[in-house]
Amino acid sequence: MRSKDRKITRIAGVALLLLLFSAWAQAQSTTATAGEESSRRFRGQGYVFIAPGTYIGNADSIATMHFGGGGEGLVYKGLGLGAEVGGIAALQESRGSLWLFSVSGSYHFSRQRKVTPFLTGGYSSIGGNGQRNLINFGGGINYWFREKRGIRLEFRDHIYTDGTGRHLLGFRIGFALR
């Protein structure tokens, strides 16, 4: 394994441990009454997703499937920081699979409602056939059908930073837990 791959693997591992620790710490909070529970503010969430999408670049357009998971913690009002890791596979041609690691900031609007829209953006690293840097941005909604369980719908665009104009576009469908 190359040193860059080891470094990314370590970063992903540390991010996953931080997310698990924050979920564990939240679970240690005291039990609230029914009225307090509904008004309690959540400090973070985890999610898993699957995302049909497209790779666009170099005069190619290839259908892709992206899957992964991550989490984010709120640091001030609706502002959040998060990380995620996942895999991407081409659906049309056998070009192998890639991994994608992202660290992003986010802003969540109306966090105490059933439908909570959000915007996100940050840095991504893709690898599997050489490592590349990307930026990402997107937005979506969380629909909370229960107090701590919801559905996450999101559009995300990953843009290669090498000036080639390549994009990874995806519409994410997933589950969110808080």
N, C-alpha and C. Protein backbone atom coordinates (compact mmCIF):
# COMPACT_ATOMS: atom_id res chain seq x y z
N MET A 1 0.85 -1.18 0.00
CA MET A 1 0.00 0.00 0.00
C MET A 1 0.89 1.24 0.00
N ARG A 2 0.58 2.17 -0.87
CA ARG A 2 1.37 3.39 -0.96
C ARG A 2 1.13 4.28 0.24
N SER A 3 2.08 5.19 0.49
CA SER A 3 1.99 6.05 1.67
C SER A 3 0.78 6.99 1.58
N LYS A 4 0.42 7.49 0.38
CA LYS A 4 -0.75 8.35 0.26
C LYS A 4 -2.01 7.57 0.63
N ASP A 5 -2.11 6.31 0.15
CA ASP A 5 -3.27 5.49 0.48
C ASP A 5 -3.34 5.23 1.98
N ARG A 6 -2.21 4.99 2.61
CA ARG A 6 -2.19 4.78 4.06
C ARG A 6 -2.64 6.03 4.80
N LYS A 7 -2.18 7.19 4.33
CA LYS A 7 -2.54 8.45 4.97
C LYS A 7 -4.05 8.68 4.89
N ILE A 8 -4.64 8.49 3.72
CA ILE A 8 -6.07 8.66 3.54
C ILE A 8 -6.83 7.65 4.39
N THR A 9 -6.36 6.41 4.45
CA THR A 9 -7.00 5.39 5.27
C THR A 9 -6.97 5.78 6.74
N ARG A 10 -5.86 6.31 7.20
CA ARG A 10 -5.76 6.76 8.60
C ARG A 10 -6.72 7.92 8.86
N ILE A 11 -6.78 8.88 7.95
CA ILE A 11 -7.69 10.02 8.11
C ILE A 11 -9.13 9.53 8.18
N ALA A 12 -9.50 8.61 7.28
CA ALA A 12 -10.86 8.07 7.28
C ALA A 12 -11.14 7.33 8.59
N GLY A 13 -10.17 6.58 9.08
CA GLY A 13 -10.33 5.86 10.34
C GLY A 13 -10.53 6.80 11.52
N VAL A 14 -9.74 7.85 11.59
CA VAL A 14 -9.87 8.83 12.67
C VAL A 14 -11.23 9.52 12.60
N ALA A 15 -11.67 9.88 11.39
CA ALA A 15 -12.98 10.53 11.23
C ALA A 15 -14.09 9.60 11.68
N LEU A 16 -14.01 8.31 11.33
CA LEU A 16 -15.01 7.34 11.74
C LEU A 16 -15.03 7.18 13.26
N LEU A 17 -13.85 7.12 13.88
CA LEU A 17 -13.79 7.01 15.34
C LEU A 17 -14.40 8.24 16.01
N LEU A 18 -14.13 9.43 15.48
CA LEU A 18 -14.72 10.64 16.04
C LEU A 18 -16.24 10.62 15.92
N LEU A 19 -16.74 10.16 14.79
CA LEU A 19 -18.18 10.09 14.62
C LEU A 19 -18.81 9.09 15.57
N LEU A 20 -18.18 7.92 15.74
CA LEU A 20 -18.69 6.93 16.67
C LEU A 20 -18.65 7.44 18.10
N PHE A 21 -17.57 8.14 18.47
CA PHE A 21 -17.47 8.70 19.82
C PHE A 21 -18.55 9.73 20.07
N SER A 22 -18.82 10.60 19.07
CA SER A 22 -19.85 11.62 19.26
C SER A 22 -21.23 10.98 19.40
N ALA A 23 -21.50 9.91 18.65
CA ALA A 23 -22.78 9.21 18.78
C ALA A 23 -22.89 8.55 20.16
N TRP A 24 -21.80 7.96 20.63
CA TRP A 24 -21.79 7.34 21.96
C TRP A 24 -22.02 8.39 23.04
N ALA A 25 -21.36 9.54 22.93
CA ALA A 25 -21.50 10.60 23.93
C ALA A 25 -22.92 11.13 23.95
N GLN A 26 -23.55 11.25 22.80
CA GLN A 26 -24.93 11.72 22.75
C GLN A 26 -25.86 10.71 23.40
N ALA A 27 -25.59 9.42 23.24
CA ALA A 27 -26.42 8.38 23.83
C ALA A 27 -26.31 8.37 25.35
N GLN A 28 -25.28 8.96 25.91
CA GLN A 28 -25.08 8.99 27.35
C GLN A 28 -25.86 10.09 28.05
N SER A 29 -26.59 10.93 27.28
CA SER A 29 -27.32 12.03 27.89
C SER A 29 -28.46 11.49 28.74
N THR A 30 -28.93 12.30 29.69
CA THR A 30 -29.99 11.87 30.59
C THR A 30 -31.31 11.80 29.84
N THR A 31 -32.22 10.97 30.35
CA THR A 31 -33.53 10.82 29.73
C THR A 31 -34.37 12.04 30.04
N ALA A 32 -35.06 12.54 29.04
CA ALA A 32 -35.90 13.72 29.19
C ALA A 32 -37.37 13.32 29.21
N THR A 33 -38.22 14.18 29.72
CA THR A 33 -39.65 13.93 29.67
C THR A 33 -40.12 14.11 28.23
N ALA A 34 -41.37 13.71 27.97
CA ALA A 34 -41.88 13.76 26.59
C ALA A 34 -41.85 15.17 26.02
N GLY A 35 -42.23 16.18 26.80
CA GLY A 35 -42.21 17.56 26.31
C GLY A 35 -40.81 18.06 26.06
N GLU A 36 -39.88 17.71 26.95
CA GLU A 36 -38.49 18.13 26.76
C GLU A 36 -37.85 17.43 25.58
N GLU A 37 -38.23 16.15 25.37
CA GLU A 37 -37.64 15.37 24.28
C GLU A 37 -37.95 16.00 22.93
N SER A 38 -39.19 16.45 22.73
CA SER A 38 -39.55 17.00 21.43
C SER A 38 -38.87 18.33 21.15
N SER A 39 -38.47 19.05 22.19
CA SER A 39 -37.83 20.34 21.95
C SER A 39 -36.31 20.27 22.05
N ARG A 40 -35.77 19.10 22.40
CA ARG A 40 -34.33 18.96 22.55
C ARG A 40 -33.64 19.17 21.22
N ARG A 41 -32.52 19.84 21.23
CA ARG A 41 -31.77 20.08 20.00
C ARG A 41 -30.73 18.99 19.83
N PHE A 42 -30.69 18.46 18.63
CA PHE A 42 -29.73 17.41 18.33
C PHE A 42 -28.44 18.04 17.84
N ARG A 43 -27.33 17.50 18.26
CA ARG A 43 -26.02 18.05 17.95
C ARG A 43 -25.33 17.35 16.79
N GLY A 44 -25.90 16.28 16.30
CA GLY A 44 -25.24 15.59 15.20
C GLY A 44 -26.12 14.52 14.60
N GLN A 45 -25.64 13.98 13.50
CA GLN A 45 -26.37 12.90 12.84
C GLN A 45 -25.41 12.05 12.03
N GLY A 46 -25.79 10.82 11.84
CA GLY A 46 -25.07 9.91 10.96
C GLY A 46 -25.98 9.54 9.80
N TYR A 47 -25.41 9.06 8.72
CA TYR A 47 -26.22 8.70 7.57
C TYR A 47 -25.50 7.67 6.70
N VAL A 48 -26.28 6.90 5.98
CA VAL A 48 -25.80 6.00 4.93
C VAL A 48 -26.59 6.33 3.68
N PHE A 49 -25.98 6.11 2.51
CA PHE A 49 -26.67 6.50 1.28
C PHE A 49 -26.24 5.62 0.12
N ILE A 50 -27.06 5.66 -0.91
CA ILE A 50 -26.73 5.12 -2.22
C ILE A 50 -27.07 6.23 -3.21
N ALA A 51 -26.23 6.40 -4.22
CA ALA A 51 -26.40 7.55 -5.11
C ALA A 51 -26.17 7.17 -6.57
N PRO A 52 -27.24 7.01 -7.33
CA PRO A 52 -27.04 6.89 -8.77
C PRO A 52 -26.55 8.23 -9.30
N GLY A 53 -25.63 8.16 -10.25
CA GLY A 53 -25.06 9.41 -10.75
C GLY A 53 -24.37 9.26 -12.08
N THR A 54 -23.55 10.26 -12.40
CA THR A 54 -22.85 10.31 -13.67
C THR A 54 -21.47 10.90 -13.49
N TYR A 55 -20.49 10.31 -14.18
CA TYR A 55 -19.16 10.91 -14.32
C TYR A 55 -19.19 11.64 -15.66
N ILE A 56 -18.83 12.93 -15.64
CA ILE A 56 -18.80 13.72 -16.86
C ILE A 56 -17.39 14.28 -17.01
N GLY A 57 -16.76 14.04 -18.16
CA GLY A 57 -15.44 14.58 -18.42
C GLY A 57 -14.73 13.83 -19.53
N ASN A 58 -13.74 14.50 -20.11
CA ASN A 58 -12.95 13.89 -21.20
C ASN A 58 -13.85 13.35 -22.31
N ALA A 59 -14.91 14.08 -22.65
CA ALA A 59 -15.87 13.69 -23.69
C ALA A 59 -16.59 12.39 -23.35
N ASP A 60 -16.58 11.99 -22.07
CA ASP A 60 -17.28 10.80 -21.60
C ASP A 60 -18.43 11.19 -20.70
N SER A 61 -19.41 10.33 -20.66
CA SER A 61 -20.49 10.41 -19.70
C SER A 61 -20.80 8.98 -19.30
N ILE A 62 -20.46 8.63 -18.07
CA ILE A 62 -20.56 7.25 -17.60
C ILE A 62 -21.48 7.19 -16.39
N ALA A 63 -22.47 6.31 -16.42
CA ALA A 63 -23.37 6.11 -15.28
C ALA A 63 -22.58 5.48 -14.14
N THR A 64 -22.83 5.97 -12.93
CA THR A 64 -22.11 5.48 -11.75
C THR A 64 -23.09 5.14 -10.62
N MET A 65 -22.60 4.39 -9.66
CA MET A 65 -23.32 4.14 -8.42
C MET A 65 -22.36 4.41 -7.28
N HIS A 66 -22.73 5.35 -6.41
CA HIS A 66 -21.91 5.75 -5.27
C HIS A 66 -22.65 5.30 -4.01
N PHE A 67 -21.94 4.69 -3.09
CA PHE A 67 -22.52 4.27 -1.82
C PHE A 67 -21.57 4.65 -0.71
N GLY A 68 -22.10 4.93 0.46
CA GLY A 68 -21.22 5.28 1.56
C GLY A 68 -21.98 5.70 2.80
N GLY A 69 -21.25 6.31 3.70
CA GLY A 69 -21.84 6.77 4.94
C GLY A 69 -20.95 7.79 5.60
N GLY A 70 -21.51 8.48 6.56
CA GLY A 70 -20.74 9.50 7.26
C GLY A 70 -21.55 10.10 8.38
N GLY A 71 -21.11 11.23 8.81
CA GLY A 71 -21.81 11.91 9.88
C GLY A 71 -21.34 13.33 9.99
N GLU A 72 -22.09 14.09 10.75
CA GLU A 72 -21.73 15.49 10.97
C GLU A 72 -22.20 15.92 12.34
N GLY A 73 -21.45 16.84 12.90
CA GLY A 73 -21.81 17.41 14.19
C GLY A 73 -22.03 18.89 14.03
N LEU A 74 -23.03 19.40 14.73
CA LEU A 74 -23.31 20.83 14.68
C LEU A 74 -22.41 21.55 15.67
N VAL A 75 -21.74 22.60 15.20
CA VAL A 75 -20.78 23.31 16.04
C VAL A 75 -21.31 24.66 16.52
N TYR A 76 -22.22 25.28 15.79
CA TYR A 76 -22.80 26.55 16.19
C TYR A 76 -24.10 26.75 15.44
N LYS A 77 -25.20 26.79 16.18
CA LYS A 77 -26.53 26.92 15.59
C LYS A 77 -26.68 25.91 14.46
N GLY A 78 -26.89 26.32 13.21
CA GLY A 78 -27.06 25.38 12.11
C GLY A 78 -25.79 24.99 11.40
N LEU A 79 -24.63 25.54 11.81
CA LEU A 79 -23.36 25.21 11.15
C LEU A 79 -22.83 23.87 11.63
N GLY A 80 -22.39 23.05 10.67
CA GLY A 80 -21.89 21.74 11.01
C GLY A 80 -20.61 21.39 10.29
N LEU A 81 -19.90 20.40 10.82
CA LEU A 81 -18.71 19.82 10.21
C LEU A 81 -18.91 18.32 10.13
N GLY A 82 -18.49 17.74 9.00
CA GLY A 82 -18.70 16.31 8.84
C GLY A 82 -17.67 15.66 7.96
N ALA A 83 -17.74 14.33 7.93
CA ALA A 83 -16.85 13.53 7.09
C ALA A 83 -17.63 12.31 6.62
N GLU A 84 -17.21 11.80 5.47
CA GLU A 84 -17.84 10.60 4.94
C GLU A 84 -16.85 9.83 4.08
N VAL A 85 -17.14 8.56 3.89
CA VAL A 85 -16.31 7.71 3.06
C VAL A 85 -17.24 6.76 2.30
N GLY A 86 -16.83 6.42 1.08
CA GLY A 86 -17.67 5.53 0.28
C GLY A 86 -16.94 5.01 -0.94
N GLY A 87 -17.65 4.27 -1.74
CA GLY A 87 -17.12 3.71 -2.96
C GLY A 87 -17.95 4.11 -4.16
N ILE A 88 -17.32 4.13 -5.34
CA ILE A 88 -18.00 4.47 -6.58
C ILE A 88 -17.65 3.41 -7.62
N ALA A 89 -18.67 2.94 -8.33
CA ALA A 89 -18.46 1.96 -9.39
C ALA A 89 -19.13 2.46 -10.67
N ALA A 90 -18.48 2.21 -11.80
CA ALA A 90 -19.07 2.53 -13.11
C ALA A 90 -20.09 1.44 -13.44
N LEU A 91 -21.24 1.84 -13.95
CA LEU A 91 -22.28 0.87 -14.28
C LEU A 91 -22.20 0.39 -15.73
N GLN A 92 -21.63 1.19 -16.61
CA GLN A 92 -21.63 0.85 -18.03
C GLN A 92 -20.40 0.05 -18.44
N GLU A 93 -19.28 0.35 -17.89
CA GLU A 93 -18.04 -0.28 -18.31
C GLU A 93 -17.31 -0.81 -17.08
N SER A 94 -16.51 -1.81 -17.26
CA SER A 94 -15.76 -2.36 -16.14
C SER A 94 -14.43 -1.62 -16.01
N ARG A 95 -14.48 -0.48 -15.34
CA ARG A 95 -13.26 0.31 -15.14
C ARG A 95 -12.77 0.20 -13.71
N GLY A 96 -13.31 -0.71 -12.96
CA GLY A 96 -12.92 -0.85 -11.56
C GLY A 96 -13.70 0.08 -10.67
N SER A 97 -13.42 0.00 -9.38
CA SER A 97 -14.12 0.85 -8.44
C SER A 97 -13.15 1.83 -7.80
N LEU A 98 -13.68 2.91 -7.28
CA LEU A 98 -12.89 3.96 -6.65
C LEU A 98 -13.42 4.20 -5.25
N TRP A 99 -12.61 4.75 -4.38
CA TRP A 99 -13.07 5.20 -3.06
C TRP A 99 -13.10 6.72 -3.07
N LEU A 100 -13.94 7.29 -2.22
CA LEU A 100 -14.07 8.73 -2.12
C LEU A 100 -14.19 9.10 -0.64
N PHE A 101 -13.35 10.02 -0.21
CA PHE A 101 -13.36 10.51 1.17
C PHE A 101 -13.62 12.01 1.12
N SER A 102 -14.53 12.52 1.94
CA SER A 102 -14.87 13.94 1.95
C SER A 102 -14.92 14.50 3.36
N VAL A 103 -14.49 15.75 3.49
CA VAL A 103 -14.63 16.52 4.72
C VAL A 103 -15.35 17.80 4.29
N SER A 104 -16.47 18.10 4.96
CA SER A 104 -17.31 19.20 4.50
C SER A 104 -17.89 20.00 5.65
N GLY A 105 -18.21 21.24 5.32
CA GLY A 105 -19.00 22.08 6.21
C GLY A 105 -20.44 22.05 5.73
N SER A 106 -21.36 22.39 6.61
CA SER A 106 -22.77 22.39 6.21
C SER A 106 -23.53 23.45 6.99
N TYR A 107 -24.69 23.78 6.47
CA TYR A 107 -25.61 24.64 7.21
C TYR A 107 -26.99 24.01 7.12
N HIS A 108 -27.61 23.78 8.28
CA HIS A 108 -28.93 23.17 8.38
C HIS A 108 -29.95 24.24 8.78
N PHE A 109 -30.96 24.41 7.94
CA PHE A 109 -32.04 25.36 8.19
C PHE A 109 -33.15 24.66 8.98
N SER A 110 -33.86 25.37 9.82
CA SER A 110 -35.06 24.85 10.50
C SER A 110 -34.84 23.47 11.10
N ARG A 111 -33.88 23.35 11.99
CA ARG A 111 -33.51 22.03 12.52
C ARG A 111 -34.57 21.36 13.37
N GLN A 112 -35.54 22.08 13.88
CA GLN A 112 -36.54 21.49 14.77
C GLN A 112 -37.81 21.07 14.05
N ARG A 113 -37.81 21.10 12.74
CA ARG A 113 -38.99 20.72 11.97
C ARG A 113 -38.81 19.33 11.37
N LYS A 114 -39.92 18.80 10.86
CA LYS A 114 -39.90 17.48 10.25
C LYS A 114 -39.05 17.45 8.97
N VAL A 115 -39.11 18.54 8.21
CA VAL A 115 -38.30 18.65 6.99
C VAL A 115 -37.22 19.70 7.26
N THR A 116 -35.95 19.28 7.15
CA THR A 116 -34.84 20.20 7.43
C THR A 116 -33.93 20.29 6.20
N PRO A 117 -34.00 21.40 5.47
CA PRO A 117 -33.10 21.58 4.32
C PRO A 117 -31.69 21.91 4.78
N PHE A 118 -30.70 21.59 3.93
CA PHE A 118 -29.31 21.89 4.25
C PHE A 118 -28.51 22.15 2.98
N LEU A 119 -27.40 22.86 3.15
CA LEU A 119 -26.40 23.08 2.10
C LEU A 119 -25.07 22.54 2.62
N THR A 120 -24.22 22.08 1.72
CA THR A 120 -22.93 21.53 2.13
C THR A 120 -21.86 21.81 1.08
N GLY A 121 -20.61 21.82 1.51
CA GLY A 121 -19.49 22.01 0.59
C GLY A 121 -18.18 21.73 1.29
N GLY A 122 -17.18 21.29 0.54
CA GLY A 122 -15.88 21.01 1.16
C GLY A 122 -14.90 20.35 0.22
N TYR A 123 -13.98 19.60 0.82
CA TYR A 123 -12.87 18.94 0.12
C TYR A 123 -13.15 17.45 -0.01
N SER A 124 -12.76 16.86 -1.14
CA SER A 124 -12.86 15.42 -1.34
C SER A 124 -11.56 14.89 -1.94
N SER A 125 -11.29 13.63 -1.68
CA SER A 125 -10.16 12.93 -2.26
C SER A 125 -10.68 11.62 -2.85
N ILE A 126 -10.31 11.35 -4.10
CA ILE A 126 -10.76 10.13 -4.76
C ILE A 126 -9.53 9.30 -5.11
N GLY A 127 -9.65 8.00 -5.01
CA GLY A 127 -8.51 7.13 -5.30
C GLY A 127 -8.96 5.77 -5.78
N GLY A 128 -7.99 4.95 -6.07
CA GLY A 128 -8.23 3.62 -6.60
C GLY A 128 -7.42 3.41 -7.86
N ASN A 129 -7.24 4.47 -8.61
CA ASN A 129 -6.42 4.47 -9.81
C ASN A 129 -5.63 5.78 -9.80
N GLY A 130 -4.92 6.01 -8.71
CA GLY A 130 -4.24 7.27 -8.50
C GLY A 130 -5.14 8.20 -7.70
N GLN A 131 -4.56 8.96 -6.82
CA GLN A 131 -5.32 9.85 -5.95
C GLN A 131 -5.50 11.21 -6.61
N ARG A 132 -6.70 11.79 -6.52
CA ARG A 132 -7.01 13.11 -7.07
C ARG A 132 -7.75 13.94 -6.03
N ASN A 133 -7.56 15.26 -6.11
CA ASN A 133 -8.26 16.18 -5.22
C ASN A 133 -9.48 16.74 -5.92
N LEU A 134 -10.55 16.93 -5.15
CA LEU A 134 -11.80 17.47 -5.67
C LEU A 134 -12.38 18.45 -4.65
N ILE A 135 -13.30 19.28 -5.11
CA ILE A 135 -14.13 20.05 -4.19
C ILE A 135 -15.55 19.54 -4.37
N ASN A 136 -16.36 19.68 -3.33
CA ASN A 136 -17.73 19.21 -3.44
C ASN A 136 -18.69 20.28 -2.93
N PHE A 137 -19.87 20.27 -3.48
CA PHE A 137 -20.94 21.12 -2.97
C PHE A 137 -22.27 20.46 -3.29
N GLY A 138 -23.27 20.82 -2.53
CA GLY A 138 -24.59 20.24 -2.76
C GLY A 138 -25.60 20.75 -1.76
N GLY A 139 -26.73 20.11 -1.78
CA GLY A 139 -27.80 20.46 -0.86
C GLY A 139 -28.87 19.41 -0.90
N GLY A 140 -29.75 19.48 0.09
CA GLY A 140 -30.83 18.51 0.15
C GLY A 140 -31.71 18.73 1.34
N ILE A 141 -32.44 17.67 1.71
CA ILE A 141 -33.32 17.71 2.87
C ILE A 141 -33.20 16.42 3.67
N ASN A 142 -33.44 16.55 4.95
CA ASN A 142 -33.69 15.40 5.81
C ASN A 142 -35.16 15.44 6.16
N TYR A 143 -35.85 14.34 5.97
CA TYR A 143 -37.25 14.22 6.37
C TYR A 143 -37.29 13.28 7.57
N TRP A 144 -37.62 13.81 8.75
CA TRP A 144 -37.61 13.03 10.00
C TRP A 144 -39.00 12.42 10.21
N PHE A 145 -39.17 11.14 9.86
CA PHE A 145 -40.45 10.50 10.05
C PHE A 145 -40.63 10.01 11.48
N ARG A 146 -39.56 9.94 12.24
CA ARG A 146 -39.59 9.67 13.68
C ARG A 146 -38.60 10.62 14.33
N GLU A 147 -38.61 10.68 15.66
CA GLU A 147 -37.75 11.62 16.39
C GLU A 147 -36.28 11.51 15.99
N LYS A 148 -35.77 10.29 15.85
CA LYS A 148 -34.34 10.11 15.59
C LYS A 148 -34.05 9.39 14.28
N ARG A 149 -35.05 9.16 13.45
CA ARG A 149 -34.85 8.45 12.19
C ARG A 149 -35.45 9.23 11.04
N GLY A 150 -34.72 9.27 9.95
CA GLY A 150 -35.21 10.02 8.81
C GLY A 150 -34.69 9.52 7.49
N ILE A 151 -35.17 10.15 6.45
CA ILE A 151 -34.74 9.88 5.08
C ILE A 151 -33.96 11.10 4.62
N ARG A 152 -32.84 10.86 3.97
CA ARG A 152 -31.98 11.95 3.47
C ARG A 152 -32.00 11.92 1.95
N LEU A 153 -32.35 13.05 1.35
CA LEU A 153 -32.33 13.23 -0.11
C LEU A 153 -31.38 14.38 -0.39
N GLU A 154 -30.43 14.15 -1.30
CA GLU A 154 -29.38 15.15 -1.51
C GLU A 154 -28.85 15.08 -2.94
N PHE A 155 -28.50 16.24 -3.48
CA PHE A 155 -27.75 16.31 -4.73
C PHE A 155 -26.33 16.72 -4.36
N ARG A 156 -25.33 16.06 -4.93
CA ARG A 156 -23.93 16.40 -4.63
C ARG A 156 -23.14 16.41 -5.94
N ASP A 157 -22.29 17.42 -6.10
CA ASP A 157 -21.39 17.55 -7.25
C ASP A 157 -19.96 17.57 -6.73
N HIS A 158 -19.14 16.64 -7.21
CA HIS A 158 -17.70 16.61 -6.90
C HIS A 158 -16.97 17.08 -8.16
N ILE A 159 -16.17 18.11 -8.03
CA ILE A 159 -15.48 18.71 -9.17
C ILE A 159 -13.98 18.49 -9.02
N TYR A 160 -13.36 17.92 -10.04
CA TYR A 160 -11.91 17.72 -10.02
C TYR A 160 -11.21 19.08 -10.05
N THR A 161 -10.14 19.23 -9.27
CA THR A 161 -9.44 20.51 -9.17
C THR A 161 -8.29 20.64 -10.16
N ASP A 162 -8.12 19.68 -11.07
CA ASP A 162 -6.99 19.72 -12.00
C ASP A 162 -7.27 20.55 -13.26
N GLY A 163 -8.40 21.24 -13.31
CA GLY A 163 -8.70 22.11 -14.44
C GLY A 163 -9.26 21.41 -15.66
N THR A 164 -9.59 20.14 -15.55
CA THR A 164 -10.09 19.40 -16.71
C THR A 164 -11.59 19.51 -16.88
N GLY A 165 -12.29 20.07 -15.90
CA GLY A 165 -13.74 20.22 -16.00
C GLY A 165 -14.50 18.93 -15.74
N ARG A 166 -13.85 17.95 -15.11
CA ARG A 166 -14.53 16.68 -14.82
C ARG A 166 -15.39 16.81 -13.56
N HIS A 167 -16.53 16.12 -13.57
CA HIS A 167 -17.49 16.15 -12.46
C HIS A 167 -17.96 14.74 -12.13
N LEU A 168 -18.27 14.52 -10.87
CA LEU A 168 -19.03 13.36 -10.42
C LEU A 168 -20.33 13.90 -9.84
N LEU A 169 -21.43 13.65 -10.50
CA LEU A 169 -22.73 14.13 -10.06
C LEU A 169 -23.51 12.97 -9.46
N GLY A 170 -24.25 13.22 -8.40
CA GLY A 170 -25.03 12.15 -7.81
C GLY A 170 -26.25 12.65 -7.07
N PHE A 171 -27.33 11.88 -7.15
CA PHE A 171 -28.52 12.13 -6.36
C PHE A 171 -28.58 11.07 -5.28
N ARG A 172 -28.40 11.48 -4.04
CA ARG A 172 -28.28 10.55 -2.92
C ARG A 172 -29.64 10.30 -2.27
N ILE A 173 -29.85 9.03 -1.95
CA ILE A 173 -31.03 8.59 -1.22
C ILE A 173 -30.50 7.78 -0.06
N GLY A 174 -30.90 8.14 1.16
CA GLY A 174 -30.34 7.41 2.29
C GLY A 174 -31.16 7.54 3.56
N PHE A 175 -30.61 6.96 4.63
CA PHE A 175 -31.21 6.99 5.95
C PHE A 175 -30.34 7.84 6.86
N ALA A 176 -31.00 8.63 7.70
CA ALA A 176 -30.29 9.48 8.65
C ALA A 176 -30.71 9.11 10.07
N LEU A 177 -29.75 9.15 10.99
CA LEU A 177 -30.01 8.86 12.39
C LEU A 177 -29.44 9.99 13.22
N ARG A 178 -30.15 10.41 14.26
CA ARG A 178 -29.62 11.43 15.15
C ARG A 178 -29.80 11.02 16.59
